[in-house]
PDB file of N, CA and C in Angstrom:
ATOM      1  N   MET A   1     143.280 126.722  45.649  1.00  0.00           N
ATOM      2  CA  MET A   1     142.559 127.480  46.637  1.00  0.00           C
ATOM      3  C   MET A   1     143.138 128.880  46.639  1.00  0.00           C
ATOM      4  N   LYS A   2     142.266 129.854  46.835  1.00  0.00           N
ATOM      5  CA  LYS A   2     142.706 131.240  46.852  1.00  0.00           C
ATOM      6  C   LYS A   2     141.886 132.005  47.881  1.00  0.00           C
ATOM      7  N   ILE A   3     142.555 132.778  48.719  1.00  0.00           N
ATOM      8  CA  ILE A   3     141.876 133.640  49.687  1.00  0.00           C
ATOM      9  C   ILE A   3     141.526 134.934  48.972  1.00  0.00           C
ATOM     10  N   VAL A   4     140.247 135.233  48.870  1.00  0.00           N
ATOM     11  CA  VAL A   4     139.791 136.448  48.213  1.00  0.00           C
ATOM     12  C   VAL A   4     139.791 137.605  49.200  1.00  0.00           C
ATOM     13  N   SER A   5     139.285 137.361  50.401  1.00  0.00           N
ATOM     14  CA  SER A   5     139.271 138.408  51.426  1.00  0.00           C
ATOM     15  C   SER A   5     139.033 137.788  52.796  1.00  0.00           C
ATOM     16  N   ILE A   6     139.405 138.544  53.805  1.00  0.00           N
ATOM     17  CA  ILE A   6     139.128 138.169  55.185  1.00  0.00           C
ATOM     18  C   ILE A   6     138.531 139.394  55.858  1.00  0.00           C
ATOM     19  N   VAL A   7     137.326 139.255  56.387  1.00  0.00           N
ATOM     20  CA  VAL A   7     136.647 140.357  57.065  1.00  0.00           C
ATOM     21  C   VAL A   7     136.886 140.217  58.559  1.00  0.00           C
ATOM     22  N   ASN A   8     137.353 141.275  59.178  1.00  0.00           N
ATOM     23  CA  ASN A   8     137.613 141.325  60.614  1.00  0.00           C
ATOM     24  C   ASN A   8     138.751 140.384  61.019  1.00  0.00           C
ATOM     25  N   SER A   9     139.833 140.437  60.247  1.00  0.00           N
ATOM     26  CA  SER A   9     140.990 139.616  60.614  1.00  0.00           C
ATOM     27  C   SER A   9     141.860 140.367  61.613  1.00  0.00           C
ATOM     28  N   GLN A  10     142.681 139.649  62.288  1.00  0.00           N
ATOM     29  CA  GLN A  10     143.602 140.218  63.270  1.00  0.00           C
ATOM     30  C   GLN A  10     145.018 139.898  62.799  1.00  0.00           C
ATOM     31  N   CYS A  11     145.523 140.665  61.858  1.00  0.00           N
ATOM     32  CA  CYS A  11     146.829 140.396  61.264  1.00  0.00           C
ATOM     33  C   CYS A  11     147.934 140.646  62.294  1.00  0.00           C
ATOM     34  N   ARG A  12     148.498 139.557  62.791  1.00  0.00           N
ATOM     35  CA  ARG A  12     149.584 139.624  63.775  1.00  0.00           C
ATOM     36  C   ARG A  12     150.564 138.499  63.515  1.00  0.00           C
ATOM     37  N   LEU A  13     151.770 138.675  64.001  1.00  0.00           N
ATOM     38  CA  LEU A  13     152.802 137.666  63.846  1.00  0.00           C
ATOM     39  C   LEU A  13     152.328 136.334  64.429  1.00  0.00           C
ATOM     40  N   GLY A  14     152.389 135.295  63.626  1.00  0.00           N
ATOM     41  CA  GLY A  14     151.983 133.971  64.080  1.00  0.00           C
ATOM     42  C   GLY A  14     150.511 133.676  63.914  1.00  0.00           C
ATOM     43  N   CYS A  15     149.730 134.647  63.454  1.00  0.00           N
ATOM     44  CA  CYS A  15     148.295 134.452  63.220  1.00  0.00           C
ATOM     45  C   CYS A  15     147.618 133.845  64.446  1.00  0.00           C
ATOM     46  N   SER A  16     147.887 134.389  65.605  1.00  0.00           N
ATOM     47  CA  SER A  16     147.432 133.764  66.849  1.00  0.00           C
ATOM     48  C   SER A  16     145.987 134.072  67.224  1.00  0.00           C
ATOM     49  N   LEU A  17     145.388 135.133  66.671  1.00  0.00           N
ATOM     50  CA  LEU A  17     144.029 135.494  67.075  1.00  0.00           C
ATOM     51  C   LEU A  17     142.955 134.972  66.131  1.00  0.00           C
ATOM     52  N   ALA A  18     143.204 135.024  64.842  1.00  0.00           N
ATOM     53  CA  ALA A  18     142.244 134.533  63.849  1.00  0.00           C
ATOM     54  C   ALA A  18     143.032 134.099  62.624  1.00  0.00           C
ATOM     55  N   SER A  19     142.724 132.929  62.097  1.00  0.00           N
ATOM     56  CA  SER A  19     143.488 132.473  60.936  1.00  0.00           C
ATOM     57  C   SER A  19     142.736 131.398  60.157  1.00  0.00           C
ATOM     58  N   LEU A  20     143.220 131.180  58.966  1.00  0.00           N
ATOM     59  CA  LEU A  20     142.762 130.116  58.082  1.00  0.00           C
ATOM     60  C   LEU A  20     143.972 129.227  57.825  1.00  0.00           C
ATOM     61  N   GLU A  21     143.782 127.935  57.939  1.00  0.00           N
ATOM     62  CA  GLU A  21     144.876 126.984  57.715  1.00  0.00           C
ATOM     63  C   GLU A  21     144.421 125.954  56.687  1.00  0.00           C
ATOM     64  N   PHE A  22     145.146 125.857  55.576  1.00  0.00           N
ATOM     65  CA  PHE A  22     144.905 124.818  54.578  1.00  0.00           C
ATOM     66  C   PHE A  22     145.797 123.636  54.915  1.00  0.00           C
ATOM     67  N   LYS A  23     145.235 122.451  54.989  1.00  0.00           N
ATOM     68  CA  LYS A  23     146.030 121.239  55.201  1.00  0.00           C
ATOM     69  C   LYS A  23     146.412 120.695  53.828  1.00  0.00           C
ATOM     70  N   TYR A  24     147.414 121.317  53.211  1.00  0.00           N
ATOM     71  CA  TYR A  24     147.766 120.951  51.849  1.00  0.00           C
ATOM     72  C   TYR A  24     149.180 120.401  51.707  1.00  0.00           C
ATOM     73  N   LEU A  25     149.957 120.402  52.754  1.00  0.00           N
ATOM     74  CA  LEU A  25     151.316 119.884  52.661  1.00  0.00           C
ATOM     75  C   LEU A  25     151.343 118.374  52.875  1.00  0.00           C
ATOM     76  N   GLN A  26     152.513 117.797  52.856  1.00  0.00           N
ATOM     77  CA  GLN A  26     152.665 116.340  52.853  1.00  0.00           C
ATOM     78  C   GLN A  26     152.140 115.664  54.117  1.00  0.00           C
ATOM     79  N   TYR A  27     152.293 116.288  55.277  1.00  0.00           N
ATOM     80  CA  TYR A  27     151.914 115.660  56.541  1.00  0.00           C
ATOM     81  C   TYR A  27     150.776 116.438  57.198  1.00  0.00           C
ATOM     82  N   PRO A  28     149.520 116.039  57.009  1.00  0.00           N
ATOM     83  CA  PRO A  28     148.382 116.806  57.518  1.00  0.00           C
ATOM     84  C   PRO A  28     148.279 116.839  59.035  1.00  0.00           C
ATOM     85  N   GLN A  29     148.953 115.938  59.732  1.00  0.00           N
ATOM     86  CA  GLN A  29     148.886 115.940  61.191  1.00  0.00           C
ATOM     87  C   GLN A  29     149.721 117.076  61.786  1.00  0.00           C
ATOM     88  N   LEU A  30     150.610 117.661  60.996  1.00  0.00           N
ATOM     89  CA  LEU A  30     151.415 118.790  61.453  1.00  0.00           C
ATOM     90  C   LEU A  30     150.702 120.099  61.143  1.00  0.00           C
ATOM     91  N   ILE A  31     151.168 121.167  61.734  1.00  0.00           N
ATOM     92  CA  ILE A  31     150.581 122.482  61.471  1.00  0.00           C
ATOM     93  C   ILE A  31     151.089 122.987  60.130  1.00  0.00           C
ATOM     94  N   ASP A  32     150.169 123.349  59.252  1.00  0.00           N
ATOM     95  CA  ASP A  32     150.515 123.953  57.973  1.00  0.00           C
ATOM     96  C   ASP A  32     150.522 125.465  58.134  1.00  0.00           C
ATOM     97  N   PRO A  33     150.983 126.194  57.120  1.00  0.00           N
ATOM     98  CA  PRO A  33     150.993 127.652  57.225  1.00  0.00           C
ATOM     99  C   PRO A  33     149.595 128.201  57.516  1.00  0.00           C
ATOM    100  N   LYS A  34     149.553 129.243  58.342  1.00  0.00           N
ATOM    101  CA  LYS A  34     148.299 129.916  58.664  1.00  0.00           C
ATOM    102  C   LYS A  34     148.275 131.263  57.958  1.00  0.00           C
ATOM    103  N   PHE A  35     147.072 131.703  57.604  1.00  0.00           N
ATOM    104  CA  PHE A  35     146.920 132.931  56.837  1.00  0.00           C
ATOM    105  C   PHE A  35     145.927 133.852  57.538  1.00  0.00           C
ATOM    106  N   ASP A  36     146.279 135.138  57.664  1.00  0.00           N
ATOM    107  CA  ASP A  36     145.344 136.091  58.262  1.00  0.00           C
ATOM    108  C   ASP A  36     145.557 137.528  57.801  1.00  0.00           C
ATOM    109  N   CYS A  37     146.458 137.778  56.873  1.00  0.00           N
ATOM    110  CA  CYS A  37     146.791 139.143  56.464  1.00  0.00           C
ATOM    111  C   CYS A  37     146.475 139.376  54.990  1.00  0.00           C
ATOM    112  N   GLU A  38     146.359 140.646  54.616  1.00  0.00           N
ATOM    113  CA  GLU A  38     146.063 141.001  53.231  1.00  0.00           C
ATOM    114  C   GLU A  38     147.140 140.523  52.268  1.00  0.00           C
ATOM    115  N   GLU A  39     148.354 140.345  52.734  1.00  0.00           N
ATOM    116  CA  GLU A  39     149.432 139.875  51.859  1.00  0.00           C
ATOM    117  C   GLU A  39     149.165 138.466  51.324  1.00  0.00           C
ATOM    118  N   HIS A  40     148.239 137.744  51.930  1.00  0.00           N
ATOM    119  CA  HIS A  40     147.904 136.389  51.490  1.00  0.00           C
ATOM    120  C   HIS A  40     146.777 136.367  50.457  1.00  0.00           C
ATOM    121  N   TYR A  41     146.152 137.505  50.204  1.00  0.00           N
ATOM    122  CA  TYR A  41     145.037 137.555  49.264  1.00  0.00           C
ATOM    123  C   TYR A  41     145.513 137.251  47.844  1.00  0.00           C
ATOM    124  N   ASN A  42     144.649 136.563  47.105  1.00  0.00           N
ATOM    125  CA  ASN A  42     144.804 136.313  45.672  1.00  0.00           C
ATOM    126  C   ASN A  42     146.051 135.530  45.294  1.00  0.00           C
ATOM    127  N   LYS A  43     146.597 134.773  46.206  1.00  0.00           N
ATOM    128  CA  LYS A  43     147.666 133.833  45.888  1.00  0.00           C
ATOM    129  C   LYS A  43     147.040 132.446  45.798  1.00  0.00           C
ATOM    130  N   VAL A  44     147.471 131.672  44.831  1.00  0.00           N
ATOM    131  CA  VAL A  44     146.909 130.341  44.623  1.00  0.00           C
ATOM    132  C   VAL A  44     147.749 129.312  45.378  1.00  0.00           C
ATOM    133  N   TYR A  45     147.071 128.468  46.147  1.00  0.00           N
ATOM    134  CA  TYR A  45     147.702 127.388  46.894  1.00  0.00           C
ATOM    135  C   TYR A  45     147.163 126.074  46.344  1.00  0.00           C
ATOM    136  N   SER A  46     148.053 125.189  45.937  1.00  0.00           N
ATOM    137  CA  SER A  46     147.651 123.912  45.340  1.00  0.00           C
ATOM    138  C   SER A  46     147.867 122.770  46.319  1.00  0.00           C
ATOM    139  N   SER A  47     147.029 121.766  46.190  1.00  0.00           N
ATOM    140  CA  SER A  47     147.118 120.602  47.058  1.00  0.00           C
ATOM    141  C   SER A  47     146.869 119.337  46.250  1.00  0.00           C
ATOM    142  N   THR A  48     147.580 118.284  46.604  1.00  0.00           N
ATOM    143  CA  THR A  48     147.317 116.980  45.995  1.00  0.00           C
ATOM    144  C   THR A  48     146.459 116.130  46.917  1.00  0.00           C
ATOM    145  N   ARG A  49     146.102 116.658  48.071  1.00  0.00           N
ATOM    146  CA  ARG A  49     145.291 115.932  49.051  1.00  0.00           C
ATOM    147  C   ARG A  49     143.809 116.059  48.687  1.00  0.00           C
ATOM    148  N   ASN A  50     143.104 114.953  48.694  1.00  0.00           N
ATOM    149  CA  ASN A  50     141.684 114.973  48.397  1.00  0.00           C
ATOM    150  C   ASN A  50     140.960 114.187  49.486  1.00  0.00           C
ATOM    151  N   PRO A  51     140.184 114.837  50.313  1.00  0.00           N
ATOM    152  CA  PRO A  51     139.897 116.268  50.309  1.00  0.00           C
ATOM    153  C   PRO A  51     140.978 117.050  51.050  1.00  0.00           C
ATOM    154  N   THR A  52     141.039 118.323  50.755  1.00  0.00           N
ATOM    155  CA  THR A  52     141.936 119.228  51.468  1.00  0.00           C
ATOM    156  C   THR A  52     141.140 119.880  52.586  1.00  0.00           C
ATOM    157  N   VAL A  53     141.631 119.770  53.779  1.00  0.00           N
ATOM    158  CA  VAL A  53     140.938 120.318  54.949  1.00  0.00           C
ATOM    159  C   VAL A  53     141.282 121.793  55.095  1.00  0.00           C
ATOM    160  N   MET A  54     140.252 122.599  55.364  1.00  0.00           N
ATOM    161  CA  MET A  54     140.443 124.006  55.692  1.00  0.00           C
ATOM    162  C   MET A  54     140.021 124.198  57.136  1.00  0.00           C
ATOM    163  N   SER A  55     140.911 124.698  57.942  1.00  0.00           N
ATOM    164  CA  SER A  55     140.642 124.898  59.358  1.00  0.00           C
ATOM    165  C   SER A  55     140.605 126.393  59.658  1.00  0.00           C
ATOM    166  N   LEU A  56     139.499 126.856  60.208  1.00  0.00           N
ATOM    167  CA  LEU A  56     139.340 128.266  60.568  1.00  0.00           C
ATOM    168  C   LEU A  56     139.320 128.386  62.075  1.00  0.00           C
ATOM    169  N   GLN A  57     139.988 129.408  62.593  1.00  0.00           N
ATOM    170  CA  GLN A  57     139.952 129.610  64.041  1.00  0.00           C
ATOM    171  C   GLN A  57     139.941 131.100  64.353  1.00  0.00           C
ATOM    172  N   ASN A  58     139.251 131.436  65.428  1.00  0.00           N
ATOM    173  CA  ASN A  58     139.184 132.806  65.910  1.00  0.00           C
ATOM    174  C   ASN A  58     138.997 132.755  67.415  1.00  0.00           C
ATOM    175  N   HIS A  59     139.808 133.490  68.140  1.00  0.00           N
ATOM    176  CA  HIS A  59     139.787 133.414  69.597  1.00  0.00           C
ATOM    177  C   HIS A  59     138.978 134.509  70.282  1.00  0.00           C
ATOM    178  N   TYR A  60     138.707 135.625  69.597  1.00  0.00           N
ATOM    179  CA  TYR A  60     138.090 136.749  70.291  1.00  0.00           C
ATOM    180  C   TYR A  60     136.840 137.307  69.637  1.00  0.00           C
ATOM    181  N   ASP A  61     136.657 137.114  68.371  1.00  0.00           N
ATOM    182  CA  ASP A  61     135.584 137.799  67.663  1.00  0.00           C
ATOM    183  C   ASP A  61     135.087 136.883  66.553  1.00  0.00           C
ATOM    184  N   MET A  62     134.456 137.446  65.561  1.00  0.00           N
ATOM    185  CA  MET A  62     133.971 136.677  64.421  1.00  0.00           C
ATOM    186  C   MET A  62     134.631 137.206  63.153  1.00  0.00           C
ATOM    187  N   SER A  63     135.150 136.324  62.339  1.00  0.00           N
ATOM    188  CA  SER A  63     135.774 136.695  61.073  1.00  0.00           C
ATOM    189  C   SER A  63     135.076 135.957  59.945  1.00  0.00           C
ATOM    190  N   THR A  64     135.129 136.545  58.766  1.00  0.00           N
ATOM    191  CA  THR A  64     134.582 135.920  57.569  1.00  0.00           C
ATOM    192  C   THR A  64     135.716 135.724  56.574  1.00  0.00           C
ATOM    193  N   PHE A  65     135.884 134.499  56.108  1.00  0.00           N
ATOM    194  CA  PHE A  65     136.915 134.171  55.139  1.00  0.00           C
ATOM    195  C   PHE A  65     136.233 133.868  53.814  1.00  0.00           C
ATOM    196  N   ASN A  66     136.574 134.607  52.765  1.00  0.00           N
ATOM    197  CA  ASN A  66     136.041 134.360  51.427  1.00  0.00           C
ATOM    198  C   ASN A  66     137.116 133.634  50.626  1.00  0.00           C
ATOM    199  N   ILE A  67     136.772 132.431  50.180  1.00  0.00           N
ATOM    200  CA  ILE A  67     137.742 131.550  49.539  1.00  0.00           C
ATOM    201  C   ILE A  67     137.185 131.070  48.205  1.00  0.00           C
ATOM    202  N   GLU A  68     138.045 131.003  47.209  1.00  0.00           N
ATOM    203  CA  GLU A  68     137.702 130.365  45.941  1.00  0.00           C
ATOM    204  C   GLU A  68     138.496 129.075  45.845  1.00  0.00           C
ATOM    205  N   TYR A  69     137.856 128.037  45.359  1.00  0.00           N
ATOM    206  CA  TYR A  69     138.568 126.776  45.186  1.00  0.00           C
ATOM    207  C   TYR A  69     138.054 126.073  43.946  1.00  0.00           C
ATOM    208  N   ARG A  70     138.869 125.193  43.438  1.00  0.00           N
ATOM    209  CA  ARG A  70     138.507 124.442  42.244  1.00  0.00           C
ATOM    210  C   ARG A  70     138.991 123.013  42.422  1.00  0.00           C
ATOM    211  N   LEU A  71     138.124 122.081  42.177  1.00  0.00           N
ATOM    212  CA  LEU A  71     138.466 120.664  42.235  1.00  0.00           C
ATOM    213  C   LEU A  71     138.799 120.196  40.822  1.00  0.00           C
ATOM    214  N   VAL A  72     139.981 119.646  40.668  1.00  0.00           N
ATOM    215  CA  VAL A  72     140.422 119.168  39.366  1.00  0.00           C
ATOM    216  C   VAL A  72     140.490 117.651  39.413  1.00  0.00           C
ATOM    217  N   LYS A  73     139.789 117.021  38.514  1.00  0.00           N
ATOM    218  CA  LYS A  73     139.796 115.555  38.457  1.00  0.00           C
ATOM    219  C   LYS A  73     141.138 115.086  37.905  1.00  0.00           C
ATOM    220  N   THR A  74     141.738 114.123  38.611  1.00  0.00           N
ATOM    221  CA  THR A  74     143.043 113.622  38.153  1.00  0.00           C
ATOM    222  C   THR A  74     142.941 112.205  37.665  1.00  0.00           C
TER     223      THR A  74
END
């Protein structure tokens, strides 16, 4: 999975206003890293979870998250 861009993001410490969260770590019931800043663009995040849940949240406005992903058959 790769974040290509985020339109109208609110880049702040803790991603408290708008964020994208990939549930790709070992324990999906816990909070995984949240992403909302340009520094997260074009980095590849891998997951062994099928399906991998993507959770989007925004508290004040509307944001657009552009994501690329690829499903690899194992």
